[in-house]
């Protein structure tokens, strides 16, 4: 069908088109006025073409400003000053007619696609308020186009692997997924609420009970969590999938195929090959202080508690002591160690950060006077520290010391430029604890996913200390980000009741809160397992962005507000009455 606005895009004409009469349309990116002649850079999604307007042209160019939308009729000419950096750089269009399609204000809230444009200097809320302008900027525009391609690739990949795409409800029930629900009041059922799904967990398990072999969907998920750079507030998308009659090994193989194929297809960085390294949760916490380790950082955390068991250093007495050996770290000056101590105290929450250099003359600086010959020997033998290295120590109760050491390790890797460049380092974190102790409520809670299969089955639930029970749960981690989470599901109703009983739920509560699953499991349930890679984080890493908002078309700000559309917002009394709600003003 003929397009009355254009017959070519701004990125397709070249030297072969010289002499042709063409019609283009797009945004005015730049205007250069040379008196008798004007040059316009005309932009659309596909590229840029130079338009030339001379005195002979029957054109009113007075209304032309940057970012207005125009249509141009003209002749393709060969350029005298070619720009070989762009596909259209050998030609220009001599304008015969210009039609204004969309006027633009003279003053923009910030520069768009110009040499002066530096989006990093624009306040984020202003960018989000004028997101329709922000999305015209080349980099972020390409991010959104890439997102579309990644989603198509993932759909094709899942189809290739035999998965069936099935949509599950958005208006669902409240479920203990670990975050607050977004509640939706019902008009038809006074006092009752839907919940937006934190994940399609129960629905996808019900699909396995229904006899579907392999399910997937690019699922929107909703969690009322505080925003972070790597966590979009309110909503996110995941590649949710589940498999009947599947083991943990089969799910891990699918995850390896998804990540290796997608990252190789869309990036030119080195990608870890399958099989990915597998790290038990306990080992991850011991070596990295976190369950999402960045393997590009070569530093590891070691335990030095026994090495200092007879120390005179009061800050180490009766504490767990974690140590990080930095190869060749003794070459750093005093300021570096002072800055690291400042980071540990002010940002990581440490009471202090002890350190020492190992030199030919002996231990130097920090806590050197407490590093006796015996301690030095143990540091060299047990921690494999050597002359020229520096060591950092964190002393506190076990969990706190572990957490702070993890943050210090990450910061050391950044400040010393130890992070491997242009690589995607993948691993699986496996063998998560089934339960954890909730100190605030003095009770046992689920550690991860409440619907997971405990290792050891019913015998483990009946005979073991709950805090020692491991689950068939697994995460995919890449470059310090959790990229996917999954589990072998608990498909046995008796096991399910017992597992929830340990976490403080009665069978009646299980039947009430998870009635659909509980009931369905009575009618023949296949063993099943699955996972859910996070689509937003995948694209964030592929584009080498540090913030999810750079790869989402219309994100919310740091305070979970949509400053473009004005959400959340007040509603009318009539709307509240419809859903049987009365506001109590504070």
Protein backbone atom coordinates (compact mmCIF):
# COMPACT_ATOMS: atom_id res chain seq x y z
CA UNK A 1 0.00 0.00 0.00
CA UNK A 2 1.36 3.43 -0.93
CA UNK A 3 2.47 5.60 1.98
CA UNK A 4 1.47 9.23 1.40
CA UNK A 5 4.09 10.50 3.85
CA UNK A 6 7.19 8.68 2.59
CA UNK A 7 8.36 6.08 0.10
CA UNK A 8 11.79 5.65 1.67
CA UNK A 9 13.16 5.62 5.22
CA UNK A 10 15.94 7.94 6.31
CA UNK A 11 18.44 5.10 6.46
CA UNK A 12 18.15 3.33 3.11
CA UNK A 13 19.14 5.71 0.28
CA UNK A 14 22.67 5.49 -1.16
CA UNK A 15 24.75 6.42 -4.22
CA UNK A 16 22.71 4.04 -6.40
CA UNK A 17 19.64 6.23 -5.87
CA UNK A 18 21.19 9.43 -7.31
CA UNK A 19 18.76 11.14 -9.69
CA UNK A 20 15.62 9.59 -8.18
CA UNK A 21 12.66 11.64 -6.94
CA UNK A 22 11.93 10.52 -3.38
CA UNK A 23 9.73 11.32 -0.41
CA UNK A 24 11.04 11.09 3.17
CA UNK A 25 9.53 11.86 6.56
CA UNK A 26 11.03 12.16 10.02
CA UNK A 27 12.26 14.41 12.81
CA UNK A 28 14.52 17.40 12.25
CA UNK A 29 17.62 16.54 14.23
CA UNK A 30 19.86 19.42 13.24
CA UNK A 31 19.62 22.63 11.20
CA UNK A 32 22.67 24.37 9.72
CA UNK A 33 21.87 27.78 8.21
CA UNK A 34 24.49 28.98 5.71
CA UNK A 35 22.48 31.95 4.46
CA UNK A 36 21.64 31.07 0.85
CA UNK A 37 21.48 27.43 1.79
CA UNK A 38 20.15 25.39 4.73
CA UNK A 39 21.11 21.85 5.65
CA UNK A 40 18.82 19.62 7.69
CA UNK A 41 19.64 16.25 9.24
CA UNK A 42 16.37 14.31 8.96
CA UNK A 43 16.04 11.35 11.34
CA UNK A 44 13.73 8.39 11.72
CA UNK A 45 14.16 5.02 13.43
CA UNK A 46 16.25 3.72 10.53
CA UNK A 47 18.87 6.44 10.12
CA UNK A 48 19.69 10.00 9.07
CA UNK A 49 19.59 11.68 5.66
CA UNK A 50 20.90 15.15 4.86
CA UNK A 51 18.38 17.53 3.26
CA UNK A 52 19.56 20.63 1.43
CA UNK A 53 17.30 23.67 0.91
CA UNK A 54 18.50 26.39 -1.46
CA UNK A 55 16.94 29.67 -2.58
CA UNK A 56 15.41 28.06 -5.66
CA UNK A 57 13.34 25.66 -3.59
CA UNK A 58 9.66 26.47 -3.18
CA UNK A 59 9.86 25.82 0.56
CA UNK A 60 8.79 27.77 3.64
CA UNK A 61 11.43 26.79 6.14
CA UNK A 62 10.71 29.44 8.77
CA UNK A 63 8.72 27.07 11.01
CA UNK A 64 11.47 24.46 11.03
CA UNK A 65 12.93 23.79 14.49
CA UNK A 66 14.72 20.77 15.87
CA UNK A 67 12.46 17.80 16.72
CA UNK A 68 9.56 18.96 14.56
CA UNK A 69 8.24 16.33 12.13
CA UNK A 70 8.30 17.03 8.40
CA UNK A 71 7.80 15.33 5.06
CA UNK A 72 10.28 16.12 2.26
CA UNK A 73 9.87 15.71 -1.52
CA UNK A 74 13.09 16.03 -3.46
CA UNK A 75 15.83 14.69 -5.70
CA UNK A 76 18.70 12.45 -4.59
CA UNK A 77 22.06 14.13 -5.27
CA UNK A 78 25.63 12.98 -4.73
CA UNK A 79 27.22 14.82 -1.82
CA UNK A 80 30.39 16.80 -2.37
CA UNK A 81 31.51 16.38 1.26
CA UNK A 82 30.75 12.71 1.92
CA UNK A 83 30.25 11.28 5.42
CA UNK A 84 31.23 7.63 5.18
CA UNK A 85 30.40 7.00 8.85
CA UNK A 86 26.69 6.62 7.98
CA UNK A 87 25.01 4.49 5.25
CA UNK A 88 23.42 7.58 3.62
CA UNK A 89 26.61 9.66 3.82
CA UNK A 90 27.30 9.73 0.09
CA UNK A 91 24.02 11.39 -0.86
CA UNK A 92 21.72 14.26 0.08
CA UNK A 93 18.18 15.26 -0.87
CA UNK A 94 17.61 18.53 -2.69
CA UNK A 95 14.26 19.62 -1.24
CA UNK A 96 11.52 20.71 -3.65
CA UNK A 97 8.71 20.63 -1.11
CA UNK A 98 8.55 20.40 2.68
CA UNK A 99 5.34 19.75 4.58
CA UNK A 100 5.03 20.31 8.33
CA UNK A 101 3.51 17.17 9.88
CA UNK A 102 4.08 17.85 13.56
CA UNK A 103 5.13 21.17 15.05
CA UNK A 104 7.51 21.31 18.02
CA UNK A 105 8.08 23.94 20.71
CA UNK A 106 11.19 26.03 20.21
CA UNK A 107 12.61 25.17 23.63
CA UNK A 108 13.08 21.52 24.61
CA UNK A 109 13.30 20.41 28.26
CA UNK A 110 16.67 18.80 27.39
CA UNK A 111 18.79 18.23 24.31
CA UNK A 112 17.76 15.32 22.08
CA UNK A 113 20.25 13.54 19.80
CA UNK A 114 22.60 16.46 19.43
CA UNK A 115 26.32 16.96 20.00
CA UNK A 116 25.39 18.88 23.16
CA UNK A 117 23.16 16.11 24.48
CA UNK A 118 24.50 14.43 27.64
CA UNK A 119 21.61 12.52 29.12
CA UNK A 120 23.67 11.53 32.18
CA UNK A 121 23.58 15.20 33.24
CA UNK A 122 19.77 15.45 32.97
CA UNK A 123 17.77 14.81 36.14
CA UNK A 124 16.17 11.39 35.87
CA UNK A 125 12.70 12.58 36.83
CA UNK A 126 12.83 15.16 34.03
CA UNK A 127 13.80 12.43 31.56
CA UNK A 128 10.93 10.26 32.77
CA UNK A 129 8.45 13.15 32.70
CA UNK A 130 9.34 13.67 29.02
CA UNK A 131 9.99 10.01 28.29
CA UNK A 132 8.57 10.39 24.76
CA UNK A 133 11.50 12.73 24.05
CA UNK A 134 14.02 10.67 26.01
CA UNK A 135 13.15 7.61 23.94
CA UNK A 136 14.14 9.49 20.77
CA UNK A 137 17.76 9.48 21.92
CA UNK A 138 19.65 6.94 19.87
CA UNK A 139 21.12 4.82 22.65
CA UNK A 140 17.96 4.25 24.66
CA UNK A 141 15.88 3.92 21.46
CA UNK A 142 18.18 1.09 20.37
CA UNK A 143 17.84 -0.52 23.80
CA UNK A 144 14.06 -0.75 23.37
CA UNK A 145 14.42 -2.14 19.83
CA UNK A 146 16.88 -4.71 21.16
CA UNK A 147 14.39 -5.65 23.87
CA UNK A 148 11.85 -6.51 21.15
CA UNK A 149 14.40 -8.70 19.38
CA UNK A 150 15.39 -10.47 22.60
CA UNK A 151 11.74 -11.27 23.40
CA UNK A 152 11.24 -12.73 19.93
CA UNK A 153 14.46 -14.72 20.24
CA UNK A 154 13.36 -16.17 23.58
CA UNK A 155 9.94 -17.11 22.22
CA UNK A 156 11.54 -18.83 19.24
CA UNK A 157 14.06 -20.61 21.48
CA UNK A 158 11.36 -21.95 23.81
CA UNK A 159 9.29 -23.07 20.82
CA UNK A 160 12.37 -24.79 19.39
CA UNK A 161 12.79 -26.68 22.69
CA UNK A 162 9.19 -27.89 22.65
CA UNK A 163 7.57 -25.50 25.14
CA UNK A 164 3.97 -24.31 24.76
CA UNK A 165 3.16 -20.66 25.45
CA UNK A 166 0.18 -20.28 27.79
CA UNK A 167 -1.06 -17.09 29.47
CA UNK A 168 -2.02 -17.17 33.14
CA UNK A 169 -4.28 -14.68 34.99
CA UNK A 170 -3.21 -11.20 36.06
CA UNK A 171 -6.06 -10.85 38.54
CA UNK A 172 -5.10 -13.64 40.90
CA UNK A 173 -4.93 -14.51 44.60
CA UNK A 174 -2.55 -13.40 47.33
CA UNK A 175 0.45 -15.72 47.75
CA UNK A 176 3.51 -15.74 50.07
CA UNK A 177 6.21 -15.18 47.43
CA UNK A 178 8.40 -13.08 49.71
CA UNK A 179 7.22 -9.53 48.87
CA UNK A 180 4.11 -7.44 49.44
CA UNK A 181 1.21 -7.96 47.07
CA UNK A 182 -0.49 -5.31 44.98
CA UNK A 183 -4.16 -5.66 45.93
CA UNK A 184 -7.09 -4.96 43.61
CA UNK A 185 -10.48 -4.44 45.31
CA UNK A 186 -13.48 -6.27 43.88
CA UNK A 187 -16.61 -4.33 42.91
CA UNK A 188 -18.79 -7.43 42.73
CA UNK A 189 -17.57 -8.98 45.98
CA UNK A 190 -17.55 -6.38 48.72
CA UNK A 191 -14.54 -6.50 51.04
CA UNK A 192 -12.65 -9.00 48.87
CA UNK A 193 -9.51 -8.43 46.87
CA UNK A 194 -7.60 -9.84 43.95
CA UNK A 195 -3.79 -9.71 44.02
CA UNK A 196 -1.57 -9.09 41.03
CA UNK A 197 0.65 -12.18 40.73
CA UNK A 198 4.16 -11.96 42.16
CA UNK A 199 4.82 -14.86 39.78
CA UNK A 200 2.61 -17.38 37.95
CA UNK A 201 3.85 -20.04 40.40
CA UNK A 202 0.64 -21.83 41.32
CA UNK A 203 -0.84 -21.52 37.84
CA UNK A 204 2.15 -23.08 36.13
CA UNK A 205 2.13 -25.97 38.59
CA UNK A 206 -1.56 -26.45 37.90
CA UNK A 207 -0.76 -26.61 34.19
CA UNK A 208 1.56 -29.53 34.91
CA UNK A 209 -1.27 -31.23 36.82
CA UNK A 210 -3.43 -30.53 33.76
CA UNK A 211 -1.19 -32.68 31.58
CA UNK A 212 0.74 -30.02 29.66
CA UNK A 213 4.29 -31.24 29.10
CA UNK A 214 6.27 -27.99 28.88
CA UNK A 215 4.85 -24.53 29.56
CA UNK A 216 6.34 -21.04 29.17
CA UNK A 217 5.28 -17.43 29.01
CA UNK A 218 6.92 -14.03 29.04
CA UNK A 219 5.12 -13.25 32.25
CA UNK A 220 4.55 -9.88 33.91
CA UNK A 221 5.11 -10.12 37.67
CA UNK A 222 4.11 -7.61 40.32
CA UNK A 223 5.82 -7.09 43.68
CA UNK A 224 5.50 -4.14 46.02
CA UNK A 225 9.24 -3.87 46.70
CA UNK A 226 11.53 -0.90 47.20
CA UNK A 227 13.22 0.14 43.94
CA UNK A 228 16.90 -0.49 43.18
CA UNK A 229 19.02 0.13 40.11
CA UNK A 230 18.69 -3.58 39.22
CA UNK A 231 15.07 -3.97 40.37
CA UNK A 232 12.21 -2.15 38.70
CA UNK A 233 9.57 -1.00 41.18
CA UNK A 234 6.21 -2.68 40.93
CA UNK A 235 6.52 -4.81 37.84
CA UNK A 236 9.00 -6.84 35.86
CA UNK A 237 9.02 -9.57 33.22
CA UNK A 238 10.36 -13.08 33.43
CA UNK A 239 10.67 -16.00 31.05
CA UNK A 240 8.59 -18.34 33.17
CA UNK A 241 8.75 -22.06 32.36
CA UNK A 242 7.84 -25.42 33.86
CA UNK A 243 8.44 -29.03 32.80
CA UNK A 244 6.58 -32.23 33.68
CA UNK A 245 8.53 -35.36 34.67
CA UNK A 246 11.68 -33.24 34.88
CA UNK A 247 14.69 -33.43 37.16
CA UNK A 248 16.85 -30.58 38.39
CA UNK A 249 19.50 -31.56 35.82
CA UNK A 250 17.07 -31.18 32.93
CA UNK A 251 15.98 -27.72 34.06
CA UNK A 252 19.60 -26.59 34.48
CA UNK A 253 20.33 -27.78 30.94
CA UNK A 254 17.44 -25.65 29.61
CA UNK A 255 18.72 -22.62 31.53
CA UNK A 256 22.21 -23.10 30.11
CA UNK A 257 20.82 -23.23 26.58
CA UNK A 258 18.70 -20.09 27.10
CA UNK A 259 21.52 -17.98 28.51
CA UNK A 260 24.40 -19.11 26.32
CA UNK A 261 22.40 -18.84 23.07
CA UNK A 262 20.84 -15.46 23.92
CA UNK A 263 24.01 -13.79 25.14
CA UNK A 264 26.09 -15.11 22.25
CA UNK A 265 23.47 -13.95 19.75
CA UNK A 266 23.08 -10.41 21.08
CA UNK A 267 26.56 -9.53 22.39
CA UNK A 268 30.17 -9.83 21.34
CA UNK A 269 31.54 -10.45 24.84
CA UNK A 270 32.98 -13.79 25.89
CA UNK A 271 30.21 -16.04 27.31
CA UNK A 272 30.82 -18.95 29.67
CA UNK A 273 30.15 -22.28 27.99
CA UNK A 274 27.91 -24.95 29.50
CA UNK A 275 28.08 -26.66 31.89
CA UNK A 276 28.07 -23.66 34.21
CA UNK A 277 30.02 -23.81 37.47
CA UNK A 278 27.84 -25.05 40.35
CA UNK A 279 28.36 -23.50 43.76
CA UNK A 280 26.43 -24.71 46.83
CA UNK A 281 24.76 -21.86 48.71
CA UNK A 282 26.87 -22.42 51.83
CA UNK A 283 30.10 -22.29 49.81
CA UNK A 284 28.97 -19.14 48.02
CA UNK A 285 28.33 -17.39 51.32
CA UNK A 286 31.68 -18.55 52.72
CA UNK A 287 33.80 -17.59 49.68
CA UNK A 288 31.93 -14.53 48.41
CA UNK A 289 29.73 -13.35 51.30
CA UNK A 290 26.74 -13.29 48.94
CA UNK A 291 24.59 -15.77 47.03
CA UNK A 292 25.06 -13.91 43.72
CA UNK A 293 28.85 -13.77 43.31
CA UNK A 294 30.57 -11.91 40.50
CA UNK A 295 33.07 -14.50 39.29
CA UNK A 296 34.94 -11.87 37.27
CA UNK A 297 36.35 -10.73 40.63
CA UNK A 298 39.22 -13.10 41.59
CA UNK A 299 39.18 -12.23 45.32
CA UNK A 300 37.72 -14.72 47.77
CA UNK A 301 36.83 -14.57 51.46
CA UNK A 302 38.56 -16.92 53.89
CA UNK A 303 38.03 -17.65 57.58
CA UNK A 304 40.79 -16.45 59.90
CA UNK A 305 39.01 -17.00 63.22
CA UNK A 306 41.32 -19.78 64.47
CA UNK A 307 44.43 -17.91 63.32
CA UNK A 308 43.65 -15.10 65.78
CA UNK A 309 42.15 -17.21 68.60
CA UNK A 310 44.92 -16.15 71.04
CA UNK A 311 45.24 -12.54 69.84
CA UNK A 312 45.67 -9.55 72.14
CA UNK A 313 43.66 -7.43 69.69
CA UNK A 314 40.41 -6.75 71.55
CA UNK A 315 38.37 -6.10 68.37
CA UNK A 316 39.05 -9.72 67.30
CA UNK A 317 38.26 -11.45 70.58
CA UNK A 318 35.23 -13.78 70.57
CA UNK A 319 34.38 -12.77 67.01
CA UNK A 320 34.14 -14.49 63.64
CA UNK A 321 37.03 -13.13 61.57
CA UNK A 322 36.83 -13.04 57.79
CA UNK A 323 39.90 -12.28 55.69
CA UNK A 324 40.50 -11.18 52.10
CA UNK A 325 43.98 -11.59 50.64
CA UNK A 326 44.78 -9.06 47.90
CA UNK A 327 47.69 -10.26 45.72
CA UNK A 328 50.35 -7.53 45.35
CA UNK A 329 48.16 -5.27 47.47
CA UNK A 330 51.11 -4.06 49.57
CA UNK A 331 51.96 -1.59 46.81
CA UNK A 332 48.91 0.52 47.69
CA UNK A 333 49.45 3.67 49.75
CA UNK A 334 47.97 4.54 53.13
CA UNK A 335 45.18 6.59 51.54
CA UNK A 336 43.81 3.50 49.79
CA UNK A 337 43.51 1.62 53.09
CA UNK A 338 41.94 4.62 54.81
CA UNK A 339 39.38 4.94 51.99
CA UNK A 340 38.53 1.25 52.20
CA UNK A 341 38.04 1.57 55.96
CA UNK A 342 35.74 4.54 55.37
CA UNK A 343 33.72 2.48 52.88
CA UNK A 344 33.46 -0.49 55.26
CA UNK A 345 32.20 1.67 58.13
CA UNK A 346 29.97 4.17 56.32
CA UNK A 347 28.53 2.04 53.51
CA UNK A 348 28.94 -1.61 54.55
CA UNK A 349 27.99 -1.13 58.20
CA UNK A 350 31.22 -2.44 59.69
CA UNK A 351 32.55 -1.38 63.10
CA UNK A 352 35.96 -1.11 61.47
CA UNK A 353 38.25 -2.67 58.88
CA UNK A 354 41.57 -4.14 59.98
CA UNK A 355 44.40 -4.53 57.48
CA UNK A 356 48.06 -5.35 57.17
CA UNK A 357 50.73 -5.46 54.44
CA UNK A 358 53.19 -8.33 54.19
CA UNK A 359 56.61 -6.98 53.19
CA UNK A 360 60.20 -8.26 53.15
CA UNK A 361 60.75 -6.31 56.37
CA UNK A 362 57.73 -7.95 58.00
CA UNK A 363 54.08 -6.96 58.58
CA UNK A 364 53.48 -3.24 58.06
CA UNK A 365 50.62 -0.83 58.88
CA UNK A 366 47.15 -1.36 60.30
CA UNK A 367 47.23 -4.19 62.83
CA UNK A 368 50.87 -5.15 62.11
CA UNK A 369 51.79 -5.19 65.81
CA UNK A 370 49.24 -7.96 66.41
CA UNK A 371 50.60 -10.11 63.58
CA UNK A 372 53.06 -12.25 65.52
CA UNK A 373 55.45 -14.69 63.86
CA UNK A 374 52.98 -17.50 64.54
CA UNK A 375 50.07 -15.52 63.08
CA UNK A 376 52.17 -14.54 60.05
CA UNK A 377 53.10 -18.18 59.48
CA UNK A 378 49.42 -19.23 59.63
CA UNK A 379 48.39 -16.43 57.28
CA UNK A 380 50.94 -17.69 54.77
CA UNK A 381 50.12 -21.38 55.19
CA UNK A 382 46.34 -21.36 55.72
CA UNK A 383 45.35 -18.32 53.64
CA UNK A 384 48.21 -18.65 51.10
CA UNK A 385 49.21 -15.04 51.68
CA UNK A 386 52.71 -14.10 50.48
CA UNK A 387 55.18 -11.26 50.64
CA UNK A 388 53.82 -8.30 48.69
CA UNK A 389 50.18 -9.07 49.50
CA UNK A 390 47.83 -7.07 51.69
CA UNK A 391 45.12 -8.56 53.89
CA UNK A 392 41.81 -7.11 55.07
CA UNK A 393 39.96 -8.45 58.12
CA UNK A 394 36.33 -8.10 59.22
CA UNK A 395 35.42 -9.17 62.76
CA UNK A 396 31.82 -9.49 63.96
CA UNK A 397 29.16 -12.09 64.65
CA UNK A 398 29.13 -14.76 61.93
CA UNK A 399 26.39 -13.55 59.56
CA UNK A 400 27.33 -9.89 59.85
CA UNK A 401 31.03 -10.57 59.25
CA UNK A 402 30.13 -12.67 56.21
CA UNK A 403 27.88 -9.99 54.73
CA UNK A 404 30.34 -7.12 55.30
CA UNK A 405 33.22 -9.17 53.89
CA UNK A 406 31.13 -9.75 50.76
CA UNK A 407 30.63 -6.00 50.29
CA UNK A 408 34.31 -5.26 50.95
CA UNK A 409 35.31 -7.93 48.40
CA UNK A 410 33.13 -6.31 45.73
CA UNK A 411 34.50 -2.84 46.49
CA UNK A 412 38.12 -4.03 46.44
CA UNK A 413 37.52 -5.61 43.04
CA UNK A 414 36.17 -2.30 41.69
CA UNK A 415 38.79 0.01 43.21
CA UNK A 416 41.72 -2.19 42.22
CA UNK A 417 40.29 -2.76 38.72
CA UNK A 418 40.38 -6.54 39.17
CA UNK A 419 37.07 -7.21 37.37
CA UNK A 420 37.56 -9.10 34.09
CA UNK A 421 36.43 -7.02 31.13
CA UNK A 422 33.96 -7.94 28.37
CA UNK A 423 32.95 -11.30 29.86
CA UNK A 424 29.74 -12.89 31.05
CA UNK A 425 30.59 -15.29 33.89
CA UNK A 426 27.71 -17.63 34.71
CA UNK A 427 27.22 -20.02 37.59
CA UNK A 428 24.46 -21.95 39.35
CA UNK A 429 23.91 -21.47 43.06
CA UNK A 430 22.43 -24.77 44.31
CA UNK A 431 21.48 -26.50 47.56
CA UNK A 432 19.68 -23.55 49.14
CA UNK A 433 18.45 -24.01 52.73
CA UNK A 434 14.79 -24.97 52.79
CA UNK A 435 14.17 -22.81 55.88
CA UNK A 436 15.66 -19.87 57.78
CA UNK A 437 15.19 -18.48 61.25
CA UNK A 438 13.14 -15.28 61.49
CA UNK A 439 14.59 -13.44 64.49
CA UNK A 440 11.95 -10.70 64.44
CA UNK A 441 9.09 -13.16 64.81
CA UNK A 442 11.06 -15.95 66.55
CA UNK A 443 9.91 -18.57 64.06
CA UNK A 444 11.01 -20.76 61.19
CA UNK A 445 10.33 -19.29 57.73
CA UNK A 446 10.80 -20.54 54.19
CA UNK A 447 14.19 -19.39 52.91
CA UNK A 448 13.37 -19.28 49.20
CA UNK A 449 10.35 -20.77 47.43
CA UNK A 450 7.72 -22.42 49.66
CA UNK A 451 6.69 -24.85 46.91
CA UNK A 452 10.12 -26.50 46.60
CA UNK A 453 10.97 -30.15 47.14
CA UNK A 454 13.10 -30.75 50.24
CA UNK A 455 16.18 -32.90 49.71
CA UNK A 456 15.54 -36.13 51.60
CA UNK A 457 11.76 -35.85 51.24
CA UNK A 458 9.43 -36.66 54.14
CA UNK A 459 12.19 -38.32 56.15
CA UNK A 460 14.18 -35.07 56.20
CA UNK A 461 11.11 -33.06 57.22
CA UNK A 462 10.33 -35.44 60.08
CA UNK A 463 13.82 -36.18 61.40
CA UNK A 464 16.18 -33.29 60.61
CA UNK A 465 16.65 -29.89 62.19
CA UNK A 466 14.66 -27.67 59.78
CA UNK A 467 17.60 -25.26 59.46
CA UNK A 468 19.78 -28.12 58.15
CA UNK A 469 17.33 -29.22 55.42
CA UNK A 470 18.38 -28.34 51.88
CA UNK A 471 15.99 -27.85 48.98
CA UNK A 472 16.15 -28.61 45.28
CA UNK A 473 16.37 -24.89 44.53
CA UNK A 474 18.75 -23.13 42.20
CA UNK A 475 19.63 -19.67 40.92
CA UNK A 476 21.47 -18.58 37.80
CA UNK A 477 23.97 -15.81 38.56
CA UNK A 478 25.86 -13.68 36.03
CA UNK A 479 28.39 -10.95 36.83
CA UNK A 480 26.99 -10.41 40.31
CA UNK A 481 23.30 -10.39 39.35
CA UNK A 482 20.66 -13.03 40.07
CA UNK A 483 19.39 -13.86 36.58
CA UNK A 484 16.97 -16.73 37.22
CA UNK A 485 15.50 -18.70 40.06
CA UNK A 486 13.82 -22.08 40.09
CA UNK A 487 13.19 -25.35 41.89
CA UNK A 488 12.01 -28.90 41.72
CA UNK A 489 8.46 -28.60 43.02
CA UNK A 490 6.92 -30.34 45.98
CA UNK A 491 4.12 -32.24 44.22
CA UNK A 492 3.11 -34.52 47.10
CA UNK A 493 0.19 -33.14 49.18
CA UNK A 494 1.40 -34.85 52.37
CA UNK A 495 4.90 -33.46 51.87
CA UNK A 496 3.42 -30.05 51.13
CA UNK A 497 1.38 -30.00 54.33
CA UNK A 498 4.38 -31.10 56.41
CA UNK A 499 6.68 -28.52 54.80
CA UNK A 500 4.22 -25.71 55.54
CA UNK A 501 3.58 -27.05 59.04
CA UNK A 502 7.26 -26.50 59.90
CA UNK A 503 6.89 -22.87 58.75
CA UNK A 504 3.91 -22.41 61.05
CA UNK A 505 0.97 -23.13 58.73
CA UNK A 506 -1.75 -25.56 59.74
CA UNK A 507 -3.19 -27.98 57.19
CA UNK A 508 -6.38 -25.91 57.26
CA UNK A 509 -4.39 -22.77 56.39
CA UNK A 510 -2.63 -24.59 53.55
CA UNK A 511 -5.98 -25.78 52.24
CA UNK A 512 -7.41 -22.26 52.52
CA UNK A 513 -4.46 -20.26 51.12
CA UNK A 514 -3.36 -22.75 48.47
CA UNK A 515 -6.63 -24.55 47.95
CA UNK A 516 -6.27 -24.97 44.20
CA UNK A 517 -2.86 -26.65 44.44
CA UNK A 518 -3.75 -28.65 47.53
CA UNK A 519 -6.90 -29.95 45.87
CA UNK A 520 -5.26 -30.57 42.48
CA UNK A 521 -2.46 -32.58 44.05
CA UNK A 522 -5.06 -35.14 45.17
CA UNK A 523 -5.78 -36.06 41.54
CA UNK A 524 -2.54 -37.41 40.13
CA UNK A 525 0.35 -34.95 39.89
CA UNK A 526 3.49 -35.59 37.84
CA UNK A 527 6.88 -34.66 39.28
CA UNK A 528 7.70 -31.26 37.83
CA UNK A 529 10.31 -28.51 37.96
CA UNK A 530 10.97 -25.13 36.42
CA UNK A 531 12.60 -21.74 36.61
CA UNK A 532 12.16 -18.13 35.54
CA UNK A 533 14.98 -16.07 33.99
CA UNK A 534 14.53 -12.33 34.50
CA UNK A 535 14.10 -10.71 31.08
CA UNK A 536 14.80 -7.15 32.26
CA UNK A 537 18.13 -8.06 33.85
CA UNK A 538 19.15 -10.10 30.82
CA UNK A 539 18.68 -7.07 28.58
CA UNK A 540 20.34 -4.76 31.11
CA UNK A 541 23.49 -6.90 30.99
CA UNK A 542 23.34 -7.28 27.21
CA UNK A 543 23.30 -3.50 26.79
CA UNK A 544 25.94 -3.00 29.51
CA UNK A 545 23.64 -0.66 31.40
CA UNK A 546 23.78 -0.19 35.17
CA UNK A 547 20.12 0.70 35.56
CA UNK A 548 17.00 -1.19 34.52
CA UNK A 549 15.24 2.07 33.67
CA UNK A 550 17.47 2.36 30.60
CA UNK A 551 15.94 -0.75 29.01
CA UNK A 552 12.27 -0.26 29.94
CA UNK A 553 10.14 1.97 27.74
CA UNK A 554 8.07 3.61 30.49
CA UNK A 555 9.63 2.88 33.89
CA UNK A 556 8.77 4.31 37.28
CA UNK A 557 11.23 6.48 39.16
CA UNK A 558 13.23 5.77 42.31
CA UNK A 559 10.14 6.45 44.42
CA UNK A 560 7.97 4.06 42.37
CA UNK A 561 6.11 6.94 40.71
CA UNK A 562 5.19 7.20 37.04
CA UNK A 563 5.94 10.90 36.57
CA UNK A 564 4.84 10.79 32.92
CA UNK A 565 1.30 9.51 33.52
CA UNK A 566 0.97 10.72 37.12
CA UNK A 567 0.57 7.38 38.86
CA UNK A 568 -0.22 6.53 41.57
CA UNK A 569 -2.91 9.17 41.91
CA UNK A 570 -6.05 9.98 43.84
CA UNK A 571 -9.37 8.64 42.57
CA UNK A 572 -12.88 9.95 43.01
CA UNK A 573 -15.21 9.14 45.91
CA UNK A 574 -17.53 7.49 43.40
CA UNK A 575 -14.76 5.14 42.26
CA UNK A 576 -14.00 4.24 45.88
CA UNK A 577 -17.68 3.59 46.62
CA UNK A 578 -17.85 1.25 43.62
CA UNK A 579 -15.23 -1.00 45.20
CA UNK A 580 -16.54 -0.58 48.76
CA UNK A 581 -13.54 1.35 50.07
CA UNK A 582 -13.43 4.34 52.41
CA UNK A 583 -10.17 6.21 52.95
CA UNK A 584 -9.09 7.03 56.49
CA UNK A 585 -6.93 10.13 56.22
CA UNK A 586 -3.91 10.21 58.53
